[in-house]
Amino acid sequence: MDYSNIIKEVGRGKHHARDLDPSTAKELYRAILAGQVPDLELGGLLIAFRIKGEAEGEMLGFYEAMQEQVMALQAPADMPPPIVIPSYNGARKQANLTPLLALALARLGFPVVVHGVTEDPNRVTSAEIFHELGIAPQLSVLAAQSALVMGSGPVFIPVAQLCPPLDTQLTLRWRMGVRNSAHTLAKLATPFHHHMHWRLSSVSHPEYITRVGAFFRAINSSALLMNGTEGETYANPQRLTRIFGLHQGEQRLLLDPQLYPLPPLESLPAARDAVTTARWTEACMRGEFALPQAIRLQLACILTATGQTCDIALALDYIDRIISRS
């Protein structure tokens, strides 16, 4: 590929850059993941897309190239559709409740796959909390598939095993000082290439809901979409936001926060470190603490969207019977 010509197109700045067509974007990202782009040109491309932003066609091309490299798993038979949860941000200010969400979904009978980074020098990752919970990472396709079929709890797959070339690009953040396209793509990755499943997806700003929703419709995939909590995909126990469901090309509002005011005070981990969060999570799953209302409502949306219950009210009752009173 003529990388200098591509940089000339995408590197003209936010207002003058031109978008690549999907096929060129796919070919380019294949080359990036294969390590074929020289360092100088790679740095130029990553910064150019960081400034310009990826257009819808570019994101589709990048995504298709990435998925060619992602681990493939089979959805377990005779079970609800798997739930895929990306976890690439962790906790910076408040405790990371992604592991709690994953454990609750598994308790409700869903096969659950969480994938993400294992460490971050500035944040508490889900991987660290899973470690404190005694949930080991799955380091091969065989191990991950076996754990998924056993259904004993959430399956955590480090991104280094899920898609090694993507992990390589993610780690360039620490060398370059800024994030790149891989940080967006990683949150879209799924190991279920040809099986019905649901992805949990979050955005950092409300205006991105439309953009990410359009992406899922373009690939005809099912997802629950919401504003995240510090980049994670669990509902913020301190500030509930709208939750949308995307299925069979349609997007609908599943949860309007105005209809479900949060209680003023709830029991939450006393600190954000992995040990404190893990012990609180265990206590919550034992019923010693009530599930945060935002998490209950998110679980109810998942049950409703996937057809396990008919509406939010029935879902909340089911959650209380299976988890809160267990």
Protein backbone atom coordinates (compact mmCIF):
# COMPACT_ATOMS: atom_id res chain seq x y z
CA MET A 1 0.00 0.00 0.00
CA ASP A 2 1.05 3.59 -0.57
CA TYR A 3 1.04 4.74 3.05
CA SER A 4 2.28 8.23 2.26
CA ASN A 5 -0.70 8.80 -0.04
CA ILE A 6 -3.11 7.53 2.61
CA ILE A 7 -1.55 9.82 5.22
CA LYS A 8 -1.93 12.69 2.76
CA GLU A 9 -5.67 11.93 2.58
CA VAL A 10 -6.47 11.33 6.26
CA GLY A 11 -3.87 13.65 7.78
CA ARG A 12 -5.16 17.00 6.53
CA GLY A 13 -6.67 17.87 9.91
CA LYS A 14 -10.14 17.52 11.37
CA HIS A 15 -11.89 19.75 8.83
CA HIS A 16 -10.01 18.94 5.61
CA ALA A 17 -9.16 15.24 5.85
CA ARG A 18 -10.79 12.80 3.46
CA ASP A 19 -12.28 9.48 4.52
CA LEU A 20 -11.11 6.13 3.22
CA ASP A 21 -13.61 3.83 1.56
CA PRO A 22 -14.40 0.65 3.58
CA SER A 23 -12.32 -1.69 1.41
CA THR A 24 -9.21 0.51 1.63
CA ALA A 25 -9.73 0.91 5.38
CA LYS A 26 -9.98 -2.87 5.75
CA GLU A 27 -6.79 -3.45 3.77
CA LEU A 28 -5.00 -0.77 5.77
CA TYR A 29 -6.01 -2.18 9.13
CA ARG A 30 -5.06 -5.68 8.04
CA ALA A 31 -1.58 -4.33 7.33
CA ILE A 32 -1.47 -2.53 10.69
CA LEU A 33 -2.47 -5.65 12.63
CA ALA A 34 0.01 -7.73 10.65
CA GLY A 35 2.83 -5.37 11.66
CA GLN A 36 3.54 -4.48 8.03
CA VAL A 37 3.37 -0.69 8.42
CA PRO A 38 6.74 0.96 9.23
CA ASP A 39 6.90 2.77 12.59
CA LEU A 40 7.07 6.28 11.13
CA GLU A 41 4.08 5.76 8.86
CA LEU A 42 2.16 3.89 11.58
CA GLY A 43 2.61 6.77 14.01
CA GLY A 44 1.45 9.23 11.37
CA LEU A 45 -1.65 7.17 10.61
CA LEU A 46 -2.62 6.66 14.24
CA ILE A 47 -2.31 10.36 15.03
CA ALA A 48 -4.19 11.30 11.86
CA PHE A 49 -7.16 9.11 12.78
CA ARG A 50 -6.96 10.33 16.37
CA ILE A 51 -7.42 13.91 15.13
CA LYS A 52 -9.84 13.21 12.28
CA GLY A 53 -11.93 10.50 13.89
CA GLU A 54 -12.94 7.33 12.09
CA ALA A 55 -15.80 7.70 9.61
CA GLU A 56 -18.53 5.05 9.59
CA GLY A 57 -17.11 3.33 6.49
CA GLU A 58 -13.60 3.36 7.94
CA MET A 59 -14.82 1.89 11.20
CA LEU A 60 -16.60 -0.90 9.34
CA GLY A 61 -13.45 -1.71 7.38
CA PHE A 62 -11.28 -1.62 10.50
CA TYR A 63 -13.78 -3.81 12.37
CA GLU A 64 -13.89 -6.46 9.64
CA ALA A 65 -10.09 -6.63 9.59
CA MET A 66 -9.95 -6.93 13.38
CA GLN A 67 -12.60 -9.65 13.58
CA GLU A 68 -10.51 -11.81 11.23
CA GLN A 69 -7.96 -12.00 14.06
CA VAL A 70 -10.34 -12.44 17.02
CA MET A 71 -10.64 -15.76 18.87
CA ALA A 72 -13.74 -17.74 17.83
CA LEU A 73 -16.05 -19.37 20.39
CA GLN A 74 -19.28 -21.36 20.07
CA ALA A 75 -22.41 -20.26 21.93
CA PRO A 76 -23.48 -22.99 24.41
CA ALA A 77 -26.57 -24.92 23.37
CA ASP A 78 -29.84 -24.74 25.32
CA MET A 79 -28.85 -21.56 27.13
CA PRO A 80 -29.82 -17.89 26.73
CA PRO A 81 -27.74 -15.93 24.20
CA PRO A 82 -24.22 -15.09 25.43
CA ILE A 83 -23.50 -11.61 26.75
CA VAL A 84 -20.18 -10.05 25.73
CA ILE A 85 -18.77 -7.33 27.99
CA PRO A 86 -15.69 -5.29 27.01
CA SER A 87 -13.61 -3.92 29.89
CA TYR A 88 -10.80 -1.62 28.81
CA ASN A 89 -10.99 1.36 31.16
CA GLY A 90 -11.29 0.20 34.75
CA ALA A 91 -11.79 2.40 37.81
CA ARG A 92 -10.25 5.82 38.19
CA LYS A 93 -12.54 7.62 40.65
CA GLN A 94 -15.16 5.08 41.75
CA ALA A 95 -15.17 1.32 42.18
CA ASN A 96 -15.36 -0.80 39.02
CA LEU A 97 -18.62 -2.77 39.07
CA THR A 98 -18.11 -4.63 35.77
CA PRO A 99 -17.28 -7.89 37.63
CA LEU A 100 -20.46 -7.50 39.71
CA LEU A 101 -22.52 -7.10 36.54
CA ALA A 102 -20.86 -10.16 34.99
CA LEU A 103 -21.44 -12.30 38.10
CA ALA A 104 -25.08 -11.24 38.30
CA LEU A 105 -25.67 -12.08 34.63
CA ALA A 106 -24.09 -15.50 35.13
CA ARG A 107 -26.31 -16.07 38.20
CA LEU A 108 -29.31 -15.25 36.00
CA GLY A 109 -28.29 -18.04 33.63
CA PHE A 110 -26.49 -16.18 30.85
CA PRO A 111 -23.18 -17.35 29.36
CA VAL A 112 -20.95 -14.32 29.96
CA VAL A 113 -17.66 -13.39 28.30
CA VAL A 114 -15.68 -10.41 29.59
CA HIS A 115 -12.63 -9.37 27.60
CA GLY A 116 -10.17 -6.60 28.30
CA VAL A 117 -6.80 -5.45 29.51
CA THR A 118 -5.13 -7.06 32.49
CA GLU A 119 -3.39 -4.00 33.90
CA ASP A 120 -3.39 -0.23 33.76
CA PRO A 121 -0.91 1.89 35.75
CA ASN A 122 -3.59 4.48 36.51
CA ARG A 123 -6.75 2.44 36.99
CA VAL A 124 -8.12 -0.70 38.67
CA THR A 125 -8.96 -3.21 35.97
CA SER A 126 -11.68 -5.84 35.94
CA ALA A 127 -8.91 -8.42 35.56
CA GLU A 128 -7.48 -7.43 38.96
CA ILE A 129 -10.88 -7.69 40.60
CA PHE A 130 -11.57 -11.06 38.95
CA HIS A 131 -8.23 -12.26 40.33
CA GLU A 132 -9.30 -11.29 43.86
CA LEU A 133 -12.61 -13.07 43.25
CA GLY A 134 -10.76 -16.26 42.32
CA ILE A 135 -11.79 -16.11 38.65
CA ALA A 136 -8.76 -17.00 36.53
CA PRO A 137 -8.27 -15.67 33.00
CA GLN A 138 -8.79 -18.12 30.15
CA LEU A 139 -5.64 -18.24 28.02
CA SER A 140 -6.68 -20.43 25.08
CA VAL A 141 -9.68 -21.11 22.87
CA LEU A 142 -10.07 -24.59 24.37
CA ALA A 143 -9.99 -23.31 27.96
CA ALA A 144 -12.40 -20.46 27.22
CA GLN A 145 -14.85 -22.73 25.40
CA SER A 146 -14.74 -25.31 28.19
CA ALA A 147 -15.38 -22.66 30.86
CA LEU A 148 -18.22 -21.22 28.81
CA VAL A 149 -19.95 -24.60 28.42
CA MET A 150 -19.55 -25.42 32.12
CA GLY A 151 -21.45 -22.24 32.93
CA SER A 152 -20.00 -21.87 36.41
CA GLY A 153 -19.49 -18.11 36.11
CA PRO A 154 -18.24 -15.35 33.85
CA VAL A 155 -15.37 -16.15 31.49
CA PHE A 156 -12.61 -13.54 31.42
CA ILE A 157 -10.35 -13.46 28.33
CA PRO A 158 -7.41 -11.04 28.25
CA VAL A 159 -7.21 -9.09 25.00
CA ALA A 160 -3.72 -10.53 24.51
CA GLN A 161 -5.43 -13.91 23.98
CA LEU A 162 -8.62 -12.64 22.35
CA CYS A 163 -6.73 -10.79 19.61
CA PRO A 164 -2.93 -10.54 20.03
CA PRO A 165 -2.37 -7.99 17.21
CA LEU A 166 -5.00 -5.72 18.72
CA ASP A 167 -3.28 -5.93 22.09
CA THR A 168 -0.04 -4.85 20.44
CA GLN A 169 -1.73 -1.77 19.03
CA LEU A 170 -3.42 -0.97 22.35
CA THR A 171 -0.07 -0.91 24.14
CA LEU A 172 1.18 1.79 21.75
CA ARG A 173 -0.79 4.19 23.94
CA TRP A 174 1.98 4.13 26.53
CA ARG A 175 4.63 4.85 23.89
CA MET A 176 2.71 7.55 22.02
CA GLY A 177 0.93 9.18 24.95
CA VAL A 178 -2.56 9.06 23.39
CA ARG A 179 -5.11 6.41 22.51
CA ASN A 180 -5.72 5.21 18.97
CA SER A 181 -8.36 3.45 16.90
CA ALA A 182 -7.71 0.17 18.70
CA HIS A 183 -9.30 1.52 21.87
CA THR A 184 -12.59 1.99 20.06
CA LEU A 185 -12.36 -1.28 18.13
CA ALA A 186 -11.51 -3.38 21.18
CA LYS A 187 -14.84 -2.46 22.76
CA LEU A 188 -16.63 -3.80 19.66
CA ALA A 189 -14.76 -7.12 19.42
CA THR A 190 -16.67 -10.36 19.90
CA PRO A 191 -15.58 -14.02 19.89
CA PHE A 192 -19.03 -15.13 18.66
CA HIS A 193 -18.57 -14.72 14.92
CA HIS A 194 -21.56 -16.75 13.71
CA HIS A 195 -23.78 -17.14 16.78
CA MET A 196 -26.60 -15.05 18.19
CA HIS A 197 -25.33 -13.00 21.12
CA TRP A 198 -25.64 -9.57 22.71
CA ARG A 199 -22.88 -7.05 23.25
CA LEU A 200 -22.86 -4.44 26.00
CA SER A 201 -21.58 -1.18 24.56
CA SER A 202 -20.96 2.20 26.14
CA VAL A 203 -20.09 5.66 24.91
CA SER A 204 -18.43 8.57 26.67
CA HIS A 205 -20.74 11.29 25.31
CA PRO A 206 -24.48 11.17 24.51
CA GLU A 207 -23.92 12.35 20.92
CA TYR A 208 -22.03 9.13 20.18
CA ILE A 209 -25.15 7.03 20.82
CA THR A 210 -26.36 7.71 17.27
CA ARG A 211 -22.98 6.92 15.73
CA VAL A 212 -22.42 3.65 17.59
CA GLY A 213 -26.05 2.66 17.07
CA ALA A 214 -25.60 3.13 13.32
CA PHE A 215 -22.53 0.86 13.45
CA PHE A 216 -24.42 -1.99 15.11
CA ARG A 217 -27.27 -1.63 12.63
CA ALA A 218 -24.77 -1.73 9.75
CA ILE A 219 -23.35 -5.05 10.93
CA ASN A 220 -26.85 -6.30 11.92
CA SER A 221 -25.75 -7.15 15.43
CA SER A 222 -27.60 -7.09 18.77
CA ALA A 223 -26.39 -4.81 21.52
CA LEU A 224 -27.35 -2.77 24.55
CA LEU A 225 -26.02 0.77 24.28
CA MET A 226 -25.67 3.40 27.00
CA ASN A 227 -23.43 6.06 28.46
CA GLY A 228 -20.71 4.22 30.33
CA THR A 229 -19.19 4.70 33.76
CA GLU A 230 -15.61 5.90 33.39
CA GLY A 231 -15.53 4.01 30.09
CA GLU A 232 -16.91 0.76 31.52
CA THR A 233 -20.24 -0.74 30.45
CA TYR A 234 -22.02 -0.99 33.79
CA ALA A 235 -24.80 1.41 34.76
CA ASN A 236 -23.58 4.20 37.02
CA PRO A 237 -25.13 3.70 40.49
CA GLN A 238 -24.92 7.45 41.06
CA ARG A 239 -26.34 8.69 37.75
CA LEU A 240 -28.66 6.55 35.66
CA THR A 241 -28.69 7.15 31.90
CA ARG A 242 -30.81 5.95 29.01
CA ILE A 243 -30.31 2.38 27.81
CA PHE A 244 -31.06 1.45 24.20
CA GLY A 245 -31.51 -1.95 22.63
CA LEU A 246 -30.43 -2.73 19.06
CA HIS A 247 -31.80 -5.86 17.43
CA GLN A 248 -32.61 -6.86 13.85
CA GLY A 249 -31.72 -3.43 12.54
CA GLU A 250 -33.94 -1.51 14.95
CA GLN A 251 -33.03 0.69 17.91
CA ARG A 252 -35.45 1.28 20.78
CA LEU A 253 -35.31 2.91 24.18
CA LEU A 254 -35.35 0.26 26.89
CA LEU A 255 -34.91 2.48 29.93
CA ASP A 256 -35.84 6.10 30.53
CA PRO A 257 -34.07 7.26 33.72
CA GLN A 258 -36.83 9.77 34.45
CA LEU A 259 -39.18 6.87 35.11
CA TYR A 260 -36.83 5.16 37.56
CA PRO A 261 -35.33 7.65 40.05
CA LEU A 262 -32.36 6.25 41.95
CA PRO A 263 -32.43 6.07 45.75
CA PRO A 264 -30.44 8.87 47.43
CA LEU A 265 -27.95 6.59 49.20
CA GLU A 266 -26.77 3.08 48.40
CA SER A 267 -24.13 0.76 49.77
CA LEU A 268 -21.07 0.86 47.51
CA PRO A 269 -17.45 -0.25 47.97
CA ALA A 270 -15.64 1.95 50.49
CA ALA A 271 -12.65 2.27 48.14
CA ARG A 272 -11.87 1.55 44.50
CA ASP A 273 -8.97 -0.90 44.99
CA ALA A 274 -9.35 -4.46 43.75
CA VAL A 275 -9.45 -6.15 47.17
CA THR A 276 -12.11 -3.84 48.61
CA THR A 277 -14.20 -4.04 45.45
CA ALA A 278 -13.95 -7.84 45.31
CA ARG A 279 -14.97 -8.33 48.95
CA TRP A 280 -17.94 -5.97 48.53
CA THR A 281 -18.93 -7.73 45.29
CA GLU A 282 -18.92 -11.10 47.06
CA ALA A 283 -21.05 -9.70 49.88
CA CYS A 284 -23.46 -8.23 47.37
CA MET A 285 -23.83 -11.57 45.58
CA ARG A 286 -24.49 -13.23 48.97
CA GLY A 287 -27.35 -10.80 49.56
CA GLU A 288 -25.64 -8.92 52.38
CA PHE A 289 -25.94 -5.71 50.36
CA ALA A 290 -28.68 -4.87 47.91
CA LEU A 291 -27.68 -4.72 44.26
CA PRO A 292 -27.34 -1.05 43.26
CA GLN A 293 -30.60 0.03 41.66
CA ALA A 294 -28.83 1.07 38.45
CA ILE A 295 -27.35 -2.41 38.09
CA ARG A 296 -30.77 -4.00 38.77
CA LEU A 297 -32.30 -1.88 36.04
CA GLN A 298 -29.48 -2.69 33.60
CA LEU A 299 -29.96 -6.41 34.29
CA ALA A 300 -33.69 -5.97 33.76
CA CYS A 301 -33.04 -4.34 30.38
CA ILE A 302 -30.85 -7.27 29.36
CA LEU A 303 -33.46 -9.82 30.44
CA THR A 304 -36.14 -7.95 28.52
CA ALA A 305 -34.09 -7.29 25.38
CA THR A 306 -33.02 -10.92 25.10
CA GLY A 307 -36.57 -12.19 25.52
CA GLN A 308 -36.07 -13.84 28.90
CA THR A 309 -38.84 -11.69 30.43
CA CYS A 310 -41.67 -9.62 28.94
CA ASP A 311 -41.03 -6.28 30.64
CA ILE A 312 -38.89 -4.41 33.15
CA ALA A 313 -41.23 -4.99 36.10
CA LEU A 314 -41.24 -8.78 35.64
CA ALA A 315 -37.48 -8.72 35.12
CA LEU A 316 -36.90 -6.84 38.38
CA ASP A 317 -39.03 -9.35 40.26
CA TYR A 318 -37.06 -12.22 38.72
CA ILE A 319 -33.75 -10.57 39.64
CA ASP A 320 -34.86 -10.16 43.24
CA ARG A 321 -35.89 -13.82 43.47
CA ILE A 322 -32.68 -15.15 41.91
CA ILE A 323 -30.07 -12.76 43.31
CA SER A 324 -31.22 -10.40 46.03
CA ARG A 325 -32.92 -13.09 48.09
CA SER A 326 -30.55 -15.95 47.30
